[in-house]
Amino acid sequence: LYFSAQEGILIFYHIKDLQYEIKICADISQPISSLIFSPDYTSLLLVTDQGTVYSYRPARSGEAVKLLDTSSSCFLAADFLTPGNNYCVSVTSSGEVQVWSLEDGTFLSKLNLGIEVHV
């Protein structure tokens, strides 16, 4: 079970029978608004209230890697672009849909919907 604390800490609970272990996986020092697993569960996107997206790979047990920072564009949400785990898509409140590479956070493409978006 993965969850985030208000302070921006990603926590993992390993639960087996009546026993559990707690592990702090990453501290990004920004409130995390959502956690999204990739379709094959190898990557986890951490989306912050400020519009920053981090990638965390549970099998590698490393730090969360900052992929993109859209704080200047009223960022609302992000998710994996399937199939695969190579790209993510984000949307801004102004209706701009953006595609990013998860390898290095490179901006690849955008589409303006021409309408305001709300979550």
PDB file of N, CA and C in Angstrom:
ATOM      1  N   LEU A   1       0.846  -1.163   0.000  1.00  0.00           N
ATOM      2  CA  LEU A   1       0.000   0.000   0.000  1.00  0.00           C
ATOM      3  C   LEU A   1       0.898   1.233   0.000  1.00  0.00           C
ATOM      4  N   TYR A   2       0.749   2.089  -1.015  1.00  0.00           N
ATOM      5  CA  TYR A   2       1.479   3.357  -1.086  1.00  0.00           C
ATOM      6  C   TYR A   2       0.523   4.487  -0.751  1.00  0.00           C
ATOM      7  N   PHE A   3       0.992   5.453   0.009  1.00  0.00           N
ATOM      8  CA  PHE A   3       0.208   6.654   0.253  1.00  0.00           C
ATOM      9  C   PHE A   3       1.152   7.808   0.523  1.00  0.00           C
ATOM     10  N   SER A   4       0.602   9.007   0.489  1.00  0.00           N
ATOM     11  CA  SER A   4       1.440  10.181   0.724  1.00  0.00           C
ATOM     12  C   SER A   4       0.933  10.949   1.927  1.00  0.00           C
ATOM     13  N   ALA A   5       1.893  11.491   2.657  1.00  0.00           N
ATOM     14  CA  ALA A   5       1.579  12.343   3.787  1.00  0.00           C
ATOM     15  C   ALA A   5       1.457  13.780   3.289  1.00  0.00           C
ATOM     16  N   GLN A   6       0.819  14.611   4.051  1.00  0.00           N
ATOM     17  CA  GLN A   6       0.571  16.001   3.678  1.00  0.00           C
ATOM     18  C   GLN A   6       1.863  16.754   3.354  1.00  0.00           C
ATOM     19  N   GLU A   7       2.965  16.367   3.962  1.00  0.00           N
ATOM     20  CA  GLU A   7       4.235  17.066   3.788  1.00  0.00           C
ATOM     21  C   GLU A   7       4.973  16.672   2.516  1.00  0.00           C
ATOM     22  N   GLY A   8       4.419  15.770   1.710  1.00  0.00           N
ATOM     23  CA  GLY A   8       5.083  15.360   0.481  1.00  0.00           C
ATOM     24  C   GLY A   8       5.946  14.128   0.634  1.00  0.00           C
ATOM     25  N   ILE A   9       5.624  13.294   1.587  1.00  0.00           N
ATOM     26  CA  ILE A   9       6.384  12.072   1.826  1.00  0.00           C
ATOM     27  C   ILE A   9       5.611  10.889   1.262  1.00  0.00           C
ATOM     28  N   LEU A  10       6.281  10.080   0.434  1.00  0.00           N
ATOM     29  CA  LEU A  10       5.703   8.855  -0.103  1.00  0.00           C
ATOM     30  C   LEU A  10       6.038   7.727   0.856  1.00  0.00           C
ATOM     31  N   ILE A  11       4.995   7.039   1.331  1.00  0.00           N
ATOM     32  CA  ILE A  11       5.159   5.989   2.334  1.00  0.00           C
ATOM     33  C   ILE A  11       4.613   4.676   1.783  1.00  0.00           C
ATOM     34  N   PHE A  12       5.309   3.586   2.090  1.00  0.00           N
ATOM     35  CA  PHE A  12       4.890   2.247   1.680  1.00  0.00           C
ATOM     36  C   PHE A  12       4.596   1.419   2.923  1.00  0.00           C
ATOM     37  N   TYR A  13       3.407   0.822   2.951  1.00  0.00           N
ATOM     38  CA  TYR A  13       3.040  -0.129   3.998  1.00  0.00           C
ATOM     39  C   TYR A  13       3.064  -1.517   3.378  1.00  0.00           C
ATOM     40  N   HIS A  14       3.922  -2.379   3.886  1.00  0.00           N
ATOM     41  CA  HIS A  14       3.930  -3.787   3.473  1.00  0.00           C
ATOM     42  C   HIS A  14       3.116  -4.535   4.522  1.00  0.00           C
ATOM     43  N   ILE A  15       1.958  -5.050   4.104  1.00  0.00           N
ATOM     44  CA  ILE A  15       1.039  -5.715   5.022  1.00  0.00           C
ATOM     45  C   ILE A  15       1.005  -7.202   4.695  1.00  0.00           C
ATOM     46  N   LYS A  16       1.247  -8.025   5.702  1.00  0.00           N
ATOM     47  CA  LYS A  16       1.165  -9.475   5.542  1.00  0.00           C
ATOM     48  C   LYS A  16       0.542 -10.044   6.802  1.00  0.00           C
ATOM     49  N   ASP A  17      -0.609 -10.676   6.614  1.00  0.00           N
ATOM     50  CA  ASP A  17      -1.387 -11.214   7.725  1.00  0.00           C
ATOM     51  C   ASP A  17      -1.674 -10.091   8.721  1.00  0.00           C
ATOM     52  N   LEU A  18      -1.262 -10.228   9.953  1.00  0.00           N
ATOM     53  CA  LEU A  18      -1.496  -9.198  10.965  1.00  0.00           C
ATOM     54  C   LEU A  18      -0.250  -8.350  11.218  1.00  0.00           C
ATOM     55  N   GLN A  19       0.781  -8.535  10.413  1.00  0.00           N
ATOM     56  CA  GLN A  19       2.031  -7.794  10.557  1.00  0.00           C
ATOM     57  C   GLN A  19       2.136  -6.741   9.462  1.00  0.00           C
ATOM     58  N   TYR A  20       2.845  -5.671   9.741  1.00  0.00           N
ATOM     59  CA  TYR A  20       3.103  -4.671   8.714  1.00  0.00           C
ATOM     60  C   TYR A  20       4.439  -3.980   8.964  1.00  0.00           C
ATOM     61  N   GLU A  21       5.017  -3.500   7.881  1.00  0.00           N
ATOM     62  CA  GLU A  21       6.246  -2.699   7.914  1.00  0.00           C
ATOM     63  C   GLU A  21       5.955  -1.363   7.265  1.00  0.00           C
ATOM     64  N   ILE A  22       6.574  -0.323   7.766  1.00  0.00           N
ATOM     65  CA  ILE A  22       6.434   1.014   7.185  1.00  0.00           C
ATOM     66  C   ILE A  22       7.799   1.430   6.640  1.00  0.00           C
ATOM     67  N   LYS A  23       7.774   1.946   5.398  1.00  0.00           N
ATOM     68  CA  LYS A  23       9.013   2.414   4.780  1.00  0.00           C
ATOM     69  C   LYS A  23       8.758   3.774   4.135  1.00  0.00           C
ATOM     70  N   ILE A  24       9.605   4.745   4.426  1.00  0.00           N
ATOM     71  CA  ILE A  24       9.539   6.035   3.746  1.00  0.00           C
ATOM     72  C   ILE A  24      10.323   5.890   2.449  1.00  0.00           C
ATOM     73  N   CYS A  25       9.645   6.085   1.332  1.00  0.00           N
ATOM     74  CA  CYS A  25      10.260   5.871   0.020  1.00  0.00           C
ATOM     75  C   CYS A  25      10.875   7.132  -0.558  1.00  0.00           C
ATOM     76  N   ALA A  26      10.198   8.260  -0.398  1.00  0.00           N
ATOM     77  CA  ALA A  26      10.686   9.506  -0.996  1.00  0.00           C
ATOM     78  C   ALA A  26      10.102  10.692  -0.240  1.00  0.00           C
ATOM     79  N   ASP A  27      10.851  11.761  -0.230  1.00  0.00           N
ATOM     80  CA  ASP A  27      10.391  13.025   0.363  1.00  0.00           C
ATOM     81  C   ASP A  27      10.598  14.113  -0.680  1.00  0.00           C
ATOM     82  N   ILE A  28       9.500  14.593  -1.267  1.00  0.00           N
ATOM     83  CA  ILE A  28       9.623  15.610  -2.309  1.00  0.00           C
ATOM     84  C   ILE A  28       9.311  17.014  -1.783  1.00  0.00           C
ATOM     85  N   SER A  29       8.961  17.118  -0.519  1.00  0.00           N
ATOM     86  CA  SER A  29       8.762  18.405   0.163  1.00  0.00           C
ATOM     87  C   SER A  29       7.694  19.290  -0.479  1.00  0.00           C
ATOM     88  N   GLN A  30       6.744  18.684  -1.162  1.00  0.00           N
ATOM     89  CA  GLN A  30       5.586  19.389  -1.716  1.00  0.00           C
ATOM     90  C   GLN A  30       4.368  18.499  -1.492  1.00  0.00           C
ATOM     91  N   PRO A  31       3.235  19.058  -1.130  1.00  0.00           N
ATOM     92  CA  PRO A  31       2.040  18.221  -0.956  1.00  0.00           C
ATOM     93  C   PRO A  31       1.713  17.454  -2.237  1.00  0.00           C
ATOM     94  N   ILE A  32       1.517  16.148  -2.111  1.00  0.00           N
ATOM     95  CA  ILE A  32       1.212  15.282  -3.244  1.00  0.00           C
ATOM     96  C   ILE A  32      -0.305  15.208  -3.402  1.00  0.00           C
ATOM     97  N   SER A  33      -0.787  15.561  -4.595  1.00  0.00           N
ATOM     98  CA  SER A  33      -2.233  15.557  -4.828  1.00  0.00           C
ATOM     99  C   SER A  33      -2.734  14.220  -5.366  1.00  0.00           C
ATOM    100  N   SER A  34      -1.876  13.469  -6.070  1.00  0.00           N
ATOM    101  CA  SER A  34      -2.303  12.155  -6.549  1.00  0.00           C
ATOM    102  C   SER A  34      -1.116  11.245  -6.828  1.00  0.00           C
ATOM    103  N   LEU A  35      -1.383   9.953  -6.725  1.00  0.00           N
ATOM    104  CA  LEU A  35      -0.430   8.893  -7.036  1.00  0.00           C
ATOM    105  C   LEU A  35      -1.052   8.053  -8.134  1.00  0.00           C
ATOM    106  N   ILE A  36      -0.318   7.820  -9.221  1.00  0.00           N
ATOM    107  CA  ILE A  36      -0.853   7.058 -10.342  1.00  0.00           C
ATOM    108  C   ILE A  36       0.156   5.986 -10.730  1.00  0.00           C
ATOM    109  N   PHE A  37      -0.252   4.715 -10.674  1.00  0.00           N
ATOM    110  CA  PHE A  37       0.611   3.623 -11.112  1.00  0.00           C
ATOM    111  C   PHE A  37       0.532   3.464 -12.610  1.00  0.00           C
ATOM    112  N   SER A  38       1.662   3.067 -13.205  1.00  0.00           N
ATOM    113  CA  SER A  38       1.689   2.731 -14.623  1.00  0.00           C
ATOM    114  C   SER A  38       0.871   1.456 -14.835  1.00  0.00           C
ATOM    115  N   PRO A  39       0.449   1.187 -16.067  1.00  0.00           N
ATOM    116  CA  PRO A  39      -0.366  -0.003 -16.332  1.00  0.00           C
ATOM    117  C   PRO A  39       0.292  -1.317 -15.895  1.00  0.00           C
ATOM    118  N   ASP A  40       1.625  -1.389 -15.933  1.00  0.00           N
ATOM    119  CA  ASP A  40       2.299  -2.618 -15.509  1.00  0.00           C
ATOM    120  C   ASP A  40       2.827  -2.529 -14.068  1.00  0.00           C
ATOM    121  N   TYR A  41       2.492  -1.479 -13.362  1.00  0.00           N
ATOM    122  CA  TYR A  41       2.843  -1.267 -11.952  1.00  0.00           C
ATOM    123  C   TYR A  41       4.348  -1.179 -11.690  1.00  0.00           C
ATOM    124  N   THR A  42       5.122  -0.771 -12.680  1.00  0.00           N
ATOM    125  CA  THR A  42       6.562  -0.624 -12.469  1.00  0.00           C
ATOM    126  C   THR A  42       6.958   0.804 -12.112  1.00  0.00           C
ATOM    127  N   SER A  43       6.082   1.770 -12.401  1.00  0.00           N
ATOM    128  CA  SER A  43       6.367   3.180 -12.113  1.00  0.00           C
ATOM    129  C   SER A  43       5.178   3.806 -11.421  1.00  0.00           C
ATOM    130  N   LEU A  44       5.479   4.799 -10.631  1.00  0.00           N
ATOM    131  CA  LEU A  44       4.454   5.540  -9.915  1.00  0.00           C
ATOM    132  C   LEU A  44       4.673   7.023 -10.179  1.00  0.00           C
ATOM    133  N   LEU A  45       3.648   7.711 -10.671  1.00  0.00           N
ATOM    134  CA  LEU A  45       3.727   9.160 -10.842  1.00  0.00           C
ATOM    135  C   LEU A  45       3.246   9.823  -9.563  1.00  0.00           C
ATOM    136  N   LEU A  46       4.003  10.792  -9.085  1.00  0.00           N
ATOM    137  CA  LEU A  46       3.625  11.595  -7.932  1.00  0.00           C
ATOM    138  C   LEU A  46       3.315  12.988  -8.462  1.00  0.00           C
ATOM    139  N   VAL A  47       2.086  13.417  -8.323  1.00  0.00           N
ATOM    140  CA  VAL A  47       1.659  14.711  -8.845  1.00  0.00           C
ATOM    141  C   VAL A  47       1.433  15.644  -7.658  1.00  0.00           C
ATOM    142  N   THR A  48       2.047  16.831  -7.719  1.00  0.00           N
ATOM    143  CA  THR A  48       1.916  17.774  -6.605  1.00  0.00           C
ATOM    144  C   THR A  48       0.881  18.855  -6.902  1.00  0.00           C
ATOM    145  N   ASP A  49       0.458  19.526  -5.861  1.00  0.00           N
ATOM    146  CA  ASP A  49      -0.476  20.642  -5.992  1.00  0.00           C
ATOM    147  C   ASP A  49       0.119  21.787  -6.802  1.00  0.00           C
ATOM    148  N   GLN A  50       1.439  21.925  -6.779  1.00  0.00           N
ATOM    149  CA  GLN A  50       2.102  23.022  -7.472  1.00  0.00           C
ATOM    150  C   GLN A  50       2.367  22.738  -8.949  1.00  0.00           C
ATOM    151  N   GLY A  51       2.028  21.539  -9.427  1.00  0.00           N
ATOM    152  CA  GLY A  51       2.200  21.240 -10.841  1.00  0.00           C
ATOM    153  C   GLY A  51       3.502  20.561 -11.197  1.00  0.00           C
ATOM    154  N   THR A  52       4.115  19.911 -10.235  1.00  0.00           N
ATOM    155  CA  THR A  52       5.339  19.165 -10.490  1.00  0.00           C
ATOM    156  C   THR A  52       5.000  17.678 -10.526  1.00  0.00           C
ATOM    157  N   VAL A  53       5.620  16.950 -11.456  1.00  0.00           N
ATOM    158  CA  VAL A  53       5.390  15.514 -11.567  1.00  0.00           C
ATOM    159  C   VAL A  53       6.721  14.795 -11.340  1.00  0.00           C
ATOM    160  N   TYR A  54       6.694  13.808 -10.452  1.00  0.00           N
ATOM    161  CA  TYR A  54       7.854  12.992 -10.141  1.00  0.00           C
ATOM    162  C   TYR A  54       7.564  11.551 -10.535  1.00  0.00           C
ATOM    163  N   SER A  55       8.614  10.801 -10.827  1.00  0.00           N
ATOM    164  CA  SER A  55       8.499   9.380 -11.104  1.00  0.00           C
ATOM    165  C   SER A  55       9.221   8.624 -10.001  1.00  0.00           C
ATOM    166  N   TYR A  56       8.587   7.561  -9.527  1.00  0.00           N
ATOM    167  CA  TYR A  56       9.201   6.694  -8.528  1.00  0.00           C
ATOM    168  C   TYR A  56       9.059   5.260  -9.011  1.00  0.00           C
ATOM    169  N   ARG A  57      10.151   4.515  -9.011  1.00  0.00           N
ATOM    170  CA  ARG A  57      10.125   3.113  -9.433  1.00  0.00           C
ATOM    171  C   ARG A  57      10.349   2.234  -8.198  1.00  0.00           C
ATOM    172  N   PRO A  58       9.286   1.599  -7.712  1.00  0.00           N
ATOM    173  CA  PRO A  58       9.387   0.798  -6.480  1.00  0.00           C
ATOM    174  C   PRO A  58      10.478  -0.275  -6.521  1.00  0.00           C
ATOM    175  N   ALA A  59      10.694  -0.919  -7.648  1.00  0.00           N
ATOM    176  CA  ALA A  59      11.705  -1.981  -7.732  1.00  0.00           C
ATOM    177  C   ALA A  59      13.118  -1.439  -7.546  1.00  0.00           C
ATOM    178  N   ARG A  60      13.337  -0.184  -7.891  1.00  0.00           N
ATOM    179  CA  ARG A  60      14.676   0.415  -7.770  1.00  0.00           C
ATOM    180  C   ARG A  60      14.903   1.044  -6.400  1.00  0.00           C
ATOM    181  N   SER A  61      13.826   1.271  -5.648  1.00  0.00           N
ATOM    182  CA  SER A  61      13.895   1.833  -4.293  1.00  0.00           C
ATOM    183  C   SER A  61      14.789   3.063  -4.186  1.00  0.00           C
ATOM    184  N   GLY A  62      14.790   3.865  -5.204  1.00  0.00           N
ATOM    185  CA  GLY A  62      15.585   5.089  -5.177  1.00  0.00           C
ATOM    186  C   GLY A  62      14.723   6.287  -4.839  1.00  0.00           C
ATOM    187  N   GLU A  63      15.275   7.439  -5.035  1.00  0.00           N
ATOM    188  CA  GLU A  63      14.526   8.667  -4.819  1.00  0.00           C
ATOM    189  C   GLU A  63      13.556   8.917  -5.972  1.00  0.00           C
ATOM    190  N   ALA A  64      12.585   9.736  -5.713  1.00  0.00           N
ATOM    191  CA  ALA A  64      11.675  10.167  -6.768  1.00  0.00           C
ATOM    192  C   ALA A  64      12.433  11.128  -7.680  1.00  0.00           C
ATOM    193  N   VAL A  65      12.242  10.976  -8.979  1.00  0.00           N
ATOM    194  CA  VAL A  65      12.928  11.790  -9.972  1.00  0.00           C
ATOM    195  C   VAL A  65      11.951  12.820 -10.531  1.00  0.00           C
ATOM    196  N   LYS A  66      12.343  14.082 -10.482  1.00  0.00           N
ATOM    197  CA  LYS A  66      11.492  15.144 -11.029  1.00  0.00           C
ATOM    198  C   LYS A  66      11.464  15.031 -12.546  1.00  0.00           C
ATOM    199  N   LEU A  67      10.246  14.874 -13.099  1.00  0.00           N
ATOM    200  CA  LEU A  67      10.096  14.745 -14.542  1.00  0.00           C
ATOM    201  C   LEU A  67       9.751  16.058 -15.196  1.00  0.00           C
ATOM    202  N   LEU A  68       8.806  16.768 -14.614  1.00  0.00           N
ATOM    203  CA  LEU A  68       8.393  18.021 -15.213  1.00  0.00           C
ATOM    204  C   LEU A  68       7.823  18.949 -14.173  1.00  0.00           C
ATOM    205  N   ASP A  69       7.893  20.224 -14.482  1.00  0.00           N
ATOM    206  CA  ASP A  69       7.386  21.252 -13.592  1.00  0.00           C
ATOM    207  C   ASP A  69       6.553  22.202 -14.426  1.00  0.00           C
ATOM    208  N   THR A  70       5.248  22.116 -14.268  1.00  0.00           N
ATOM    209  CA  THR A  70       4.339  22.953 -15.049  1.00  0.00           C
ATOM    210  C   THR A  70       3.682  24.006 -14.169  1.00  0.00           C
ATOM    211  N   SER A  71       4.362  24.412 -13.118  1.00  0.00           N
ATOM    212  CA  SER A  71       3.767  25.303 -12.131  1.00  0.00           C
ATOM    213  C   SER A  71       3.314  26.638 -12.719  1.00  0.00           C
ATOM    214  N   SER A  72       3.868  27.031 -13.840  1.00  0.00           N
ATOM    215  CA  SER A  72       3.487  28.314 -14.418  1.00  0.00           C
ATOM    216  C   SER A  72       2.257  28.207 -15.322  1.00  0.00           C
ATOM    217  N   SER A  73       1.711  27.002 -15.494  1.00  0.00           N
ATOM    218  CA  SER A  73       0.619  26.848 -16.451  1.00  0.00           C
ATOM    219  C   SER A  73      -0.684  26.317 -15.839  1.00  0.00           C
ATOM    220  N   CYS A  74      -0.921  26.521 -14.551  1.00  0.00           N
ATOM    221  CA  CYS A  74      -2.165  26.097 -13.889  1.00  0.00           C
ATOM    222  C   CYS A  74      -2.448  24.616 -14.131  1.00  0.00           C
ATOM    223  N   PHE A  75      -1.472  23.793 -13.867  1.00  0.00           N
ATOM    224  CA  PHE A  75      -1.519  22.354 -14.033  1.00  0.00           C
ATOM    225  C   PHE A  75      -2.626  21.737 -13.181  1.00  0.00           C
ATOM    226  N   LEU A  76      -3.390  20.797 -13.738  1.00  0.00           N
ATOM    227  CA  LEU A  76      -4.466  20.144 -13.004  1.00  0.00           C
ATOM    228  C   LEU A  76      -4.203  18.674 -12.703  1.00  0.00           C
ATOM    229  N   ALA A  77      -3.749  17.907 -13.694  1.00  0.00           N
ATOM    230  CA  ALA A  77      -3.608  16.473 -13.502  1.00  0.00           C
ATOM    231  C   ALA A  77      -2.633  15.880 -14.509  1.00  0.00           C
ATOM    232  N   ALA A  78      -2.196  14.642 -14.212  1.00  0.00           N
ATOM    233  CA  ALA A  78      -1.323  13.890 -15.125  1.00  0.00           C
ATOM    234  C   ALA A  78      -1.671  12.417 -15.016  1.00  0.00           C
ATOM    235  N   ASP A  79      -1.336  11.685 -16.074  1.00  0.00           N
ATOM    236  CA  ASP A  79      -1.547  10.242 -16.072  1.00  0.00           C
ATOM    237  C   ASP A  79      -0.635   9.630 -17.131  1.00  0.00           C
ATOM    238  N   PHE A  80      -0.468   8.316 -17.056  1.00  0.00           N
ATOM    239  CA  PHE A  80       0.306   7.609 -18.065  1.00  0.00           C
ATOM    240  C   PHE A  80      -0.473   7.583 -19.369  1.00  0.00           C
ATOM    241  N   LEU A  81       0.248   7.686 -20.466  1.00  0.00           N
ATOM    242  CA  LEU A  81      -0.340   7.570 -21.790  1.00  0.00           C
ATOM    243  C   LEU A  81      -0.090   6.134 -22.234  1.00  0.00           C
ATOM    244  N   THR A  82      -1.148   5.351 -22.286  1.00  0.00           N
ATOM    245  CA  THR A  82      -1.004   3.932 -22.577  1.00  0.00           C
ATOM    246  C   THR A  82      -1.228   3.656 -24.049  1.00  0.00           C
ATOM    247  N   PRO A  83      -0.738   2.545 -24.587  1.00  0.00           N
ATOM    248  CA  PRO A  83      -0.055   1.465 -23.873  1.00  0.00           C
ATOM    249  C   PRO A  83       1.395   1.827 -23.562  1.00  0.00           C
ATOM    250  N   GLY A  84       1.947   1.115 -22.614  1.00  0.00           N
ATOM    251  CA  GLY A  84       3.340   1.314 -22.228  1.00  0.00           C
ATOM    252  C   GLY A  84       3.502   2.292 -21.087  1.00  0.00           C
ATOM    253  N   ASN A  85       4.757   2.549 -20.744  1.00  0.00           N
ATOM    254  CA  ASN A  85       5.113   3.423 -19.623  1.00  0.00           C
ATOM    255  C   ASN A  85       6.058   4.526 -20.043  1.00  0.00           C
ATOM    256  N   ASN A  86       6.113   4.837 -21.330  1.00  0.00           N
ATOM    257  CA  ASN A  86       7.118   5.774 -21.819  1.00  0.00           C
ATOM    258  C   ASN A  86       6.676   7.223 -21.818  1.00  0.00           C
ATOM    259  N   TYR A  87       5.381   7.472 -21.748  1.00  0.00           N
ATOM    260  CA  TYR A  87       4.870   8.836 -21.875  1.00  0.00           C
ATOM    261  C   TYR A  87       3.808   9.124 -20.826  1.00  0.00           C
ATOM    262  N   CYS A  88       3.694  10.401 -20.487  1.00  0.00           N
ATOM    263  CA  CYS A  88       2.579  10.815 -19.645  1.00  0.00           C
ATOM    264  C   CYS A  88       1.903  12.006 -20.307  1.00  0.00           C
ATOM    265  N   VAL A  89       0.673  12.221 -19.919  1.00  0.00           N
ATOM    266  CA  VAL A  89      -0.118  13.325 -20.450  1.00  0.00           C
ATOM    267  C   VAL A  89      -0.552  14.188 -19.267  1.00  0.00           C
ATOM    268  N   SER A  90      -0.525  15.485 -19.452  1.00  0.00           N
ATOM    269  CA  SER A  90      -0.980  16.411 -18.415  1.00  0.00           C
ATOM    270  C   SER A  90      -1.990  17.361 -19.026  1.00  0.00           C
ATOM    271  N   VAL A  91      -2.758  17.997 -18.162  1.00  0.00           N
ATOM    272  CA  VAL A  91      -3.745  18.969 -18.636  1.00  0.00           C
ATOM    273  C   VAL A  91      -3.696  20.193 -17.722  1.00  0.00           C
ATOM    274  N   THR A  92      -3.863  21.362 -18.322  1.00  0.00           N
ATOM    275  CA  THR A  92      -3.879  22.611 -17.569  1.00  0.00           C
ATOM    276  C   THR A  92      -5.321  23.123 -17.481  1.00  0.00           C
ATOM    277  N   SER A  93      -5.560  24.050 -16.588  1.00  0.00           N
ATOM    278  CA  SER A  93      -6.910  24.595 -16.433  1.00  0.00           C
ATOM    279  C   SER A  93      -7.364  25.366 -17.663  1.00  0.00           C
ATOM    280  N   SER A  94      -6.424  25.836 -18.476  1.00  0.00           N
ATOM    281  CA  SER A  94      -6.790  26.559 -19.697  1.00  0.00           C
ATOM    282  C   SER A  94      -7.167  25.618 -20.847  1.00  0.00           C
ATOM    283  N   GLY A  95      -7.041  24.285 -20.630  1.00  0.00           N
ATOM    284  CA  GLY A  95      -7.432  23.320 -21.648  1.00  0.00           C
ATOM    285  C   GLY A  95      -6.308  22.845 -22.529  1.00  0.00           C
ATOM    286  N   GLU A  96      -5.062  23.038 -22.105  1.00  0.00           N
ATOM    287  CA  GLU A  96      -3.927  22.571 -22.891  1.00  0.00           C
ATOM    288  C   GLU A  96      -3.533  21.166 -22.427  1.00  0.00           C
ATOM    289  N   VAL A  97      -3.579  20.205 -23.342  1.00  0.00           N
ATOM    290  CA  VAL A  97      -3.162  18.834 -23.076  1.00  0.00           C
ATOM    291  C   VAL A  97      -1.730  18.689 -23.578  1.00  0.00           C
ATOM    292  N   GLN A  98      -0.844  18.181 -22.719  1.00  0.00           N
ATOM    293  CA  GLN A  98       0.576  18.096 -23.042  1.00  0.00           C
ATOM    294  C   GLN A  98       1.058  16.651 -22.922  1.00  0.00           C
ATOM    295  N   VAL A  99       1.964  16.243 -23.796  1.00  0.00           N
ATOM    296  CA  VAL A  99       2.551  14.905 -23.755  1.00  0.00           C
ATOM    297  C   VAL A  99       4.034  15.054 -23.416  1.00  0.00           C
ATOM    298  N   TRP A 100       4.501  14.226 -22.469  1.00  0.00           N
ATOM    299  CA  TRP A 100       5.868  14.293 -21.960  1.00  0.00           C
ATOM    300  C   TRP A 100       6.523  12.918 -22.028  1.00  0.00           C
ATOM    301  N   SER A 101       7.811  12.880 -22.236  1.00  0.00           N
ATOM    302  CA  SER A 101       8.576  11.644 -22.160  1.00  0.00           C
ATOM    303  C   SER A 101       8.887  11.355 -20.703  1.00  0.00           C
ATOM    304  N   LEU A 102       8.649  10.132 -20.261  1.00  0.00           N
ATOM    305  CA  LEU A 102       8.968   9.758 -18.888  1.00  0.00           C
ATOM    306  C   LEU A 102      10.436   9.375 -18.725  1.00  0.00           C
ATOM    307  N   GLU A 103      11.146   9.231 -19.822  1.00  0.00           N
ATOM    308  CA  GLU A 103      12.570   8.916 -19.748  1.00  0.00           C
ATOM    309  C   GLU A 103      13.351  10.090 -19.167  1.00  0.00           C
ATOM    310  N   ASP A 104      13.076  11.297 -19.675  1.00  0.00           N
ATOM    311  CA  ASP A 104      13.859  12.455 -19.257  1.00  0.00           C
ATOM    312  C   ASP A 104      13.028  13.719 -19.041  1.00  0.00           C
ATOM    313  N   GLY A 105      11.699  13.607 -19.096  1.00  0.00           N
ATOM    314  CA  GLY A 105      10.842  14.756 -18.875  1.00  0.00           C
ATOM    315  C   GLY A 105      10.743  15.696 -20.059  1.00  0.00           C
ATOM    316  N   THR A 106      11.165  15.256 -21.239  1.00  0.00           N
ATOM    317  CA  THR A 106      11.122  16.092 -22.434  1.00  0.00           C
ATOM    318  C   THR A 106       9.684  16.350 -22.867  1.00  0.00           C
ATOM    319  N   PHE A 107       9.374  17.612 -23.122  1.00  0.00           N
ATOM    320  CA  PHE A 107       8.074  17.989 -23.660  1.00  0.00           C
ATOM    321  C   PHE A 107       8.014  17.550 -25.115  1.00  0.00           C
ATOM    322  N   LEU A 108       6.951  16.824 -25.508  1.00  0.00           N
ATOM    323  CA  LEU A 108       6.863  16.278 -26.853  1.00  0.00           C
ATOM    324  C   LEU A 108       5.801  16.933 -27.719  1.00  0.00           C
ATOM    325  N   SER A 109       4.644  17.221 -27.134  1.00  0.00           N
ATOM    326  CA  SER A 109       3.550  17.718 -27.956  1.00  0.00           C
ATOM    327  C   SER A 109       2.482  18.354 -27.074  1.00  0.00           C
ATOM    328  N   LYS A 110       1.638  19.173 -27.708  1.00  0.00           N
ATOM    329  CA  LYS A 110       0.520  19.751 -26.976  1.00  0.00           C
ATOM    330  C   LYS A 110      -0.668  19.929 -27.909  1.00  0.00           C
ATOM    331  N   LEU A 111      -1.832  19.987 -27.309  1.00  0.00           N
ATOM    332  CA  LEU A 111      -3.081  20.195 -28.021  1.00  0.00           C
ATOM    333  C   LEU A 111      -3.929  21.119 -27.163  1.00  0.00           C
ATOM    334  N   ASN A 112      -4.401  22.215 -27.746  1.00  0.00           N
ATOM    335  CA  ASN A 112      -5.248  23.131 -27.005  1.00  0.00           C
ATOM    336  C   ASN A 112      -6.698  22.775 -27.287  1.00  0.00           C
ATOM    337  N   LEU A 113      -7.434  22.433 -26.246  1.00  0.00           N
ATOM    338  CA  LEU A 113      -8.848  22.039 -26.389  1.00  0.00           C
ATOM    339  C   LEU A 113      -9.765  23.235 -26.633  1.00  0.00           C
ATOM    340  N   GLY A 114      -9.286  24.415 -26.310  1.00  0.00           N
ATOM    341  CA  GLY A 114     -10.088  25.618 -26.543  1.00  0.00           C
ATOM    342  C   GLY A 114     -11.187  25.829 -25.521  1.00  0.00           C
ATOM    343  N   ILE A 115     -11.139  25.094 -24.405  1.00  0.00           N
ATOM    344  CA  ILE A 115     -12.115  25.271 -23.335  1.00  0.00           C
ATOM    345  C   ILE A 115     -11.400  25.212 -21.991  1.00  0.00           C
ATOM    346  N   GLU A 116     -12.013  25.782 -20.971  1.00  0.00           N
ATOM    347  CA  GLU A 116     -11.469  25.726 -19.636  1.00  0.00           C
ATOM    348  C   GLU A 116     -11.767  24.344 -19.038  1.00  0.00           C
ATOM    349  N   VAL A 117     -10.797  23.779 -18.304  1.00  0.00           N
ATOM    350  CA  VAL A 117     -10.930  22.440 -17.747  1.00  0.00           C
ATOM    351  C   VAL A 117     -11.012  22.528 -16.229  1.00  0.00           C
ATOM    352  N   HIS A 118     -11.872  21.720 -15.635  1.00  0.00           N
ATOM    353  CA  HIS A 118     -12.012  21.637 -14.169  1.00  0.00           C
ATOM    354  C   HIS A 118     -11.904  20.184 -13.757  1.00  0.00           C
ATOM    355  N   VAL A 119     -11.373  19.956 -12.575  1.00  0.00           N
ATOM    356  CA  VAL A 119     -11.282  18.594 -12.055  1.00  0.00           C
ATOM    357  C   VAL A 119     -12.380  18.372 -11.050  1.00  0.00           C
TER     358      VAL A 119
END
